[in-house]
Amino acid sequence: MKRNNNPILSAASCVTLFICIICILIIAVLSCDSSTDLFKNINDQIAFELRTDDGLYNYDLYDKYADSVKINQPRTVYLTLQDDMKELSAAFEFDKGENNVVLTLDGDTIIPNHNYLVTVGKRININIIGKSPGEVTGQLKLVDYYNESISLLISLYVFDNLYPTCKIDVKEVKEVSAYEYLIDLSSSFDADEKYGGNIVTYEYKIGNYYFLTTEKDAIYHIFPTAGNYDVKCRVKDNDGAWSDVVTTKVIIE
């Protein structure tokens, strides 16, 4: 058998192979958009779970994350994302009150309208720190590889200190003396207890002869004689704000 050494045939084979490669590349390029559209069509919708220190937040019920934030008392929101992508792009967009709060994302201060990469499936810590009183509105926008997005609406109210309320309860004791009573302020409360507020000082004034400022929320007192006495009390919270004075009349017989 003779060996075929025809150079023309070899050149023709090379040209054919080259044309085939070009055709494959053209088909691949033309079909690229179609395949992208195909994957986009089967792409899962971004989902999320939102929690606060109070527990799971029902975002679907309220249609937005709405909360109150006390100045300089950080409020933490825990966000867990669900998607078929490993990472998403996140950006905070403010509509109102941008200067009333400082937001941090896993410890990093958030720059409005700046894109951050966040990991799907990992709990994301968002800290909200109130700086000045007022309303804050905006959204957290999440975008995946296919430019599919979802927005979490945010509505916050930043407030300064709320004043405490004094509650007086006077009870007969009559163990040491027939005129012995317990003056109890333990039912007093700070209106912003949820945000770190608490009562630190209790003030008692009995008639015109007794005055006491103390950390005790109840005291025992022996009245000097029978008669009518005005007991006036107030309480102070950890922000230095005093409640209104509350007066109760005690009749000693």
Protein backbone atom coordinates (compact mmCIF):
# COMPACT_ATOMS: atom_id res chain seq x y z
CA MET A 1 0.00 0.00 0.00
CA LYS A 2 1.30 3.41 -0.93
CA ARG A 3 1.49 6.13 1.66
CA ASN A 4 -0.55 9.28 0.82
CA ASN A 5 1.72 12.29 1.06
CA ASN A 6 -0.55 14.70 -0.85
CA PRO A 7 0.14 18.17 0.67
CA ILE A 8 -3.02 19.62 -0.92
CA LEU A 9 -5.24 17.11 0.90
CA SER A 10 -3.51 17.88 4.23
CA ALA A 11 -4.00 21.61 3.74
CA ALA A 12 -7.70 21.04 2.92
CA SER A 13 -8.12 19.04 6.14
CA CYS A 14 -6.59 21.85 8.18
CA VAL A 15 -8.89 24.43 6.59
CA THR A 16 -11.92 22.24 7.31
CA LEU A 17 -10.87 21.80 10.93
CA PHE A 18 -10.32 25.54 11.30
CA ILE A 19 -13.77 26.32 9.87
CA CYS A 20 -15.35 23.82 12.26
CA ILE A 21 -13.68 25.48 15.24
CA ILE A 22 -14.85 28.92 14.10
CA CYS A 23 -18.42 27.63 13.71
CA ILE A 24 -18.38 26.14 17.20
CA LEU A 25 -17.15 29.43 18.65
CA ILE A 26 -19.84 31.39 16.80
CA ILE A 27 -22.56 29.03 18.04
CA ALA A 28 -21.25 29.28 21.58
CA VAL A 29 -21.25 33.09 21.48
CA LEU A 30 -24.73 33.24 19.94
CA SER A 31 -26.10 30.83 22.51
CA CYS A 32 -24.45 32.58 25.49
CA ASP A 33 -27.33 35.01 26.06
CA SER A 34 -29.83 32.20 25.71
CA SER A 35 -28.07 30.07 28.33
CA THR A 36 -27.85 33.06 30.65
CA ASP A 37 -31.56 33.64 30.23
CA LEU A 38 -32.17 29.95 30.90
CA PHE A 39 -30.24 30.03 34.19
CA LYS A 40 -31.90 33.31 35.07
CA ASN A 41 -35.32 31.76 34.57
CA ILE A 42 -34.56 28.95 37.01
CA ASN A 43 -32.80 31.28 39.47
CA ASP A 44 -34.33 31.13 42.96
CA GLN A 45 -35.93 34.22 44.47
CA ILE A 46 -33.84 35.81 47.23
CA ALA A 47 -35.34 35.07 50.65
CA PHE A 48 -34.37 36.15 54.15
CA GLU A 49 -35.05 35.71 57.84
CA LEU A 50 -35.01 38.76 60.08
CA ARG A 51 -34.47 38.54 63.85
CA THR A 52 -34.07 41.04 66.67
CA ASP A 53 -33.14 40.53 70.31
CA ASP A 54 -36.87 40.08 70.91
CA GLY A 55 -37.06 37.10 68.54
CA LEU A 56 -38.16 36.42 64.95
CA TYR A 57 -39.49 39.53 63.21
CA ASN A 58 -42.53 38.93 61.02
CA TYR A 59 -41.49 41.07 58.07
CA ASP A 60 -44.30 39.71 55.86
CA LEU A 61 -46.90 40.84 58.40
CA TYR A 62 -45.67 44.42 58.72
CA ASP A 63 -44.23 44.79 55.19
CA LYS A 64 -41.19 46.60 56.60
CA TYR A 65 -38.80 46.57 59.54
CA ALA A 66 -40.15 49.25 61.90
CA ASP A 67 -38.55 49.95 65.26
CA SER A 68 -37.58 52.62 67.79
CA VAL A 69 -33.96 53.31 68.66
CA LYS A 70 -32.75 55.20 71.71
CA ILE A 71 -29.83 57.57 71.21
CA ASN A 72 -26.48 55.86 71.90
CA GLN A 73 -28.17 52.53 72.73
CA PRO A 74 -27.24 50.12 69.87
CA ARG A 75 -30.04 48.05 68.41
CA THR A 76 -28.98 44.84 66.61
CA VAL A 77 -30.83 43.17 63.74
CA TYR A 78 -29.80 39.68 62.62
CA LEU A 79 -30.29 38.91 58.93
CA THR A 80 -29.92 35.47 57.31
CA LEU A 81 -30.15 35.23 53.51
CA GLN A 82 -31.33 32.34 51.38
CA ASP A 83 -30.44 32.06 47.69
CA ASP A 84 -28.80 29.69 45.18
CA MET A 85 -25.83 32.09 44.95
CA LYS A 86 -23.02 32.06 47.51
CA GLU A 87 -22.84 35.85 47.73
CA LEU A 88 -25.14 38.80 47.16
CA SER A 89 -24.55 42.50 46.75
CA ALA A 90 -26.07 44.65 49.49
CA ALA A 91 -26.55 48.43 49.59
CA PHE A 92 -28.32 50.74 52.04
CA GLU A 93 -30.33 53.54 50.50
CA PHE A 94 -31.79 56.29 52.71
CA ASP A 95 -34.88 58.30 51.89
CA LYS A 96 -34.91 60.35 55.09
CA GLY A 97 -32.87 60.88 58.25
CA GLU A 98 -29.51 59.58 57.03
CA ASN A 99 -27.67 61.67 59.65
CA ASN A 100 -29.86 60.46 62.55
CA VAL A 101 -28.24 57.03 62.71
CA VAL A 102 -24.99 55.16 62.18
CA LEU A 103 -25.29 51.64 60.74
CA THR A 104 -22.66 48.93 60.88
CA LEU A 105 -22.55 45.69 58.92
CA ASP A 106 -20.67 42.97 60.82
CA GLY A 107 -18.70 45.71 62.57
CA ASP A 108 -17.94 47.88 59.54
CA THR A 109 -19.56 51.31 59.28
CA ILE A 110 -21.98 51.37 56.37
CA ILE A 111 -21.55 53.99 53.66
CA PRO A 112 -24.93 54.81 52.05
CA ASN A 113 -25.35 53.54 48.46
CA HIS A 114 -22.09 51.60 48.66
CA ASN A 115 -22.22 47.94 47.57
CA TYR A 116 -21.12 45.27 50.05
CA LEU A 117 -20.71 41.56 49.40
CA VAL A 118 -22.65 39.47 51.91
CA THR A 119 -22.53 35.70 52.34
CA VAL A 120 -25.67 33.64 51.84
CA GLY A 121 -26.54 31.37 54.78
CA LYS A 122 -24.37 33.27 57.26
CA ARG A 123 -25.98 35.39 59.97
CA ILE A 124 -25.32 39.06 59.26
CA ASN A 125 -25.26 41.49 62.19
CA ILE A 126 -26.61 44.95 61.48
CA ASN A 127 -26.10 47.44 64.32
CA ILE A 128 -28.26 50.55 64.48
CA ILE A 129 -26.93 53.40 66.63
CA GLY A 130 -29.14 56.46 67.11
CA LYS A 131 -27.33 59.81 66.99
CA SER A 132 -30.06 62.45 66.93
CA PRO A 133 -33.86 62.38 67.33
CA GLY A 134 -35.99 61.98 64.25
CA GLU A 135 -37.46 59.64 61.67
CA VAL A 136 -35.31 57.41 59.45
CA THR A 137 -36.63 55.67 56.34
CA GLY A 138 -34.89 53.74 53.59
CA GLN A 139 -34.20 50.27 52.29
CA LEU A 140 -31.62 47.53 52.19
CA LYS A 141 -31.35 46.37 48.57
CA LEU A 142 -30.02 42.87 47.84
CA VAL A 143 -28.95 41.91 44.30
CA ASP A 144 -27.76 38.54 42.94
CA TYR A 145 -25.53 37.61 39.97
CA TYR A 146 -28.44 37.79 37.51
CA ASN A 147 -29.41 41.27 38.73
CA GLU A 148 -32.49 39.89 40.44
CA SER A 149 -33.16 41.99 43.54
CA ILE A 150 -35.25 42.34 46.67
CA SER A 151 -35.57 45.35 48.97
CA LEU A 152 -36.12 45.35 52.74
CA LEU A 153 -37.95 48.50 53.73
CA ILE A 154 -36.73 50.14 56.95
CA SER A 155 -38.58 52.64 59.15
CA LEU A 156 -36.93 53.80 62.39
CA TYR A 157 -37.70 56.40 65.01
CA VAL A 158 -34.71 57.70 66.96
CA PHE A 159 -35.59 59.19 70.35
CA ASP A 160 -33.85 60.72 73.31
CA ASN A 161 -34.46 59.66 76.91
CA LEU A 162 -38.01 58.85 78.04
CA TYR A 163 -38.93 59.89 81.58
CA PRO A 164 -39.51 57.38 84.38
CA THR A 165 -42.80 56.98 86.27
CA CYS A 166 -43.10 56.81 90.07
CA LYS A 167 -45.61 54.44 91.71
CA ILE A 168 -46.26 54.53 95.47
CA ASP A 169 -47.71 51.72 97.55
CA VAL A 170 -48.08 52.27 101.32
CA LYS A 171 -48.73 49.23 103.52
CA GLU A 172 -49.30 48.76 107.23
CA VAL A 173 -46.58 46.76 109.02
CA LYS A 174 -47.10 47.43 112.76
CA GLU A 175 -44.37 45.09 113.93
CA VAL A 176 -42.09 47.47 115.81
CA SER A 177 -44.76 50.11 116.36
CA ALA A 178 -48.45 50.65 115.70
CA TYR A 179 -47.34 53.51 113.46
CA GLU A 180 -44.92 51.45 111.34
CA TYR A 181 -45.55 51.40 107.57
CA LEU A 182 -43.78 50.21 104.41
CA ILE A 183 -43.44 52.81 101.66
CA ASP A 184 -42.84 50.83 98.48
CA LEU A 185 -41.72 52.35 95.15
CA SER A 186 -40.75 49.02 93.53
CA SER A 187 -43.55 49.28 90.95
CA SER A 188 -41.97 52.40 89.49
CA PHE A 189 -40.55 51.97 86.00
CA ASP A 190 -38.49 53.63 83.30
CA ALA A 191 -40.41 54.13 80.05
CA ASP A 192 -37.39 53.18 77.92
CA GLU A 193 -36.43 50.09 79.94
CA LYS A 194 -36.49 48.09 76.68
CA TYR A 195 -33.62 50.26 75.44
CA GLY A 196 -31.40 50.07 78.51
CA GLY A 197 -33.15 52.55 80.79
CA ASN A 198 -33.54 51.79 84.50
CA ILE A 199 -34.25 53.54 87.79
CA VAL A 200 -31.19 54.26 89.94
CA THR A 201 -32.41 56.67 92.64
CA TYR A 202 -35.52 56.90 94.85
CA GLU A 203 -36.55 60.02 96.73
CA TYR A 204 -38.91 60.01 99.76
CA LYS A 205 -40.43 63.03 101.50
CA ILE A 206 -42.82 62.49 104.43
CA GLY A 207 -44.64 65.51 105.82
CA ASN A 208 -42.27 68.35 106.58
CA TYR A 209 -39.92 66.37 108.80
CA TYR A 210 -38.43 63.50 106.79
CA PHE A 211 -36.45 63.49 103.53
CA LEU A 212 -34.38 60.65 102.03
CA THR A 213 -32.61 60.02 98.71
CA THR A 214 -31.46 56.41 98.33
CA GLU A 215 -30.95 53.48 95.98
CA LYS A 216 -33.55 51.47 97.93
CA ASP A 217 -36.92 51.01 96.23
CA ALA A 218 -38.75 50.58 99.57
CA ILE A 219 -38.27 51.83 103.14
CA TYR A 220 -39.85 51.16 106.53
CA HIS A 221 -41.02 54.26 108.37
CA ILE A 222 -42.50 54.84 111.82
CA PHE A 223 -44.77 57.87 111.94
CA PRO A 224 -44.37 59.93 115.11
CA THR A 225 -48.05 60.19 116.04
CA ALA A 226 -51.50 59.58 114.70
CA GLY A 227 -52.64 62.02 112.04
CA ASN A 228 -52.67 62.74 108.31
CA TYR A 229 -49.39 62.74 106.39
CA ASP A 230 -48.50 63.57 102.80
CA VAL A 231 -45.96 61.15 101.32
CA LYS A 232 -44.26 62.59 98.25
CA CYS A 233 -41.91 60.52 96.12
CA ARG A 234 -40.12 60.58 92.80
CA VAL A 235 -37.55 58.43 90.98
CA LYS A 236 -34.54 59.12 88.73
CA ASP A 237 -33.37 57.03 85.77
CA ASN A 238 -29.84 56.23 84.61
CA ASP A 239 -29.92 59.20 82.20
CA GLY A 240 -30.38 61.61 85.11
CA ALA A 241 -34.05 62.39 84.44
CA TRP A 242 -36.49 62.66 87.39
CA SER A 243 -40.10 61.56 87.26
CA ASP A 244 -42.96 63.79 88.30
CA VAL A 245 -43.54 63.93 92.05
CA VAL A 246 -46.33 61.62 93.15
CA THR A 247 -48.23 62.36 96.38
CA THR A 248 -50.30 59.98 98.47
CA LYS A 249 -52.03 60.73 101.79
CA VAL A 250 -51.53 58.35 104.70
CA ILE A 251 -54.00 58.43 107.57
CA ILE A 252 -52.59 57.14 110.86
CA GLU A 253 -55.19 56.33 113.53
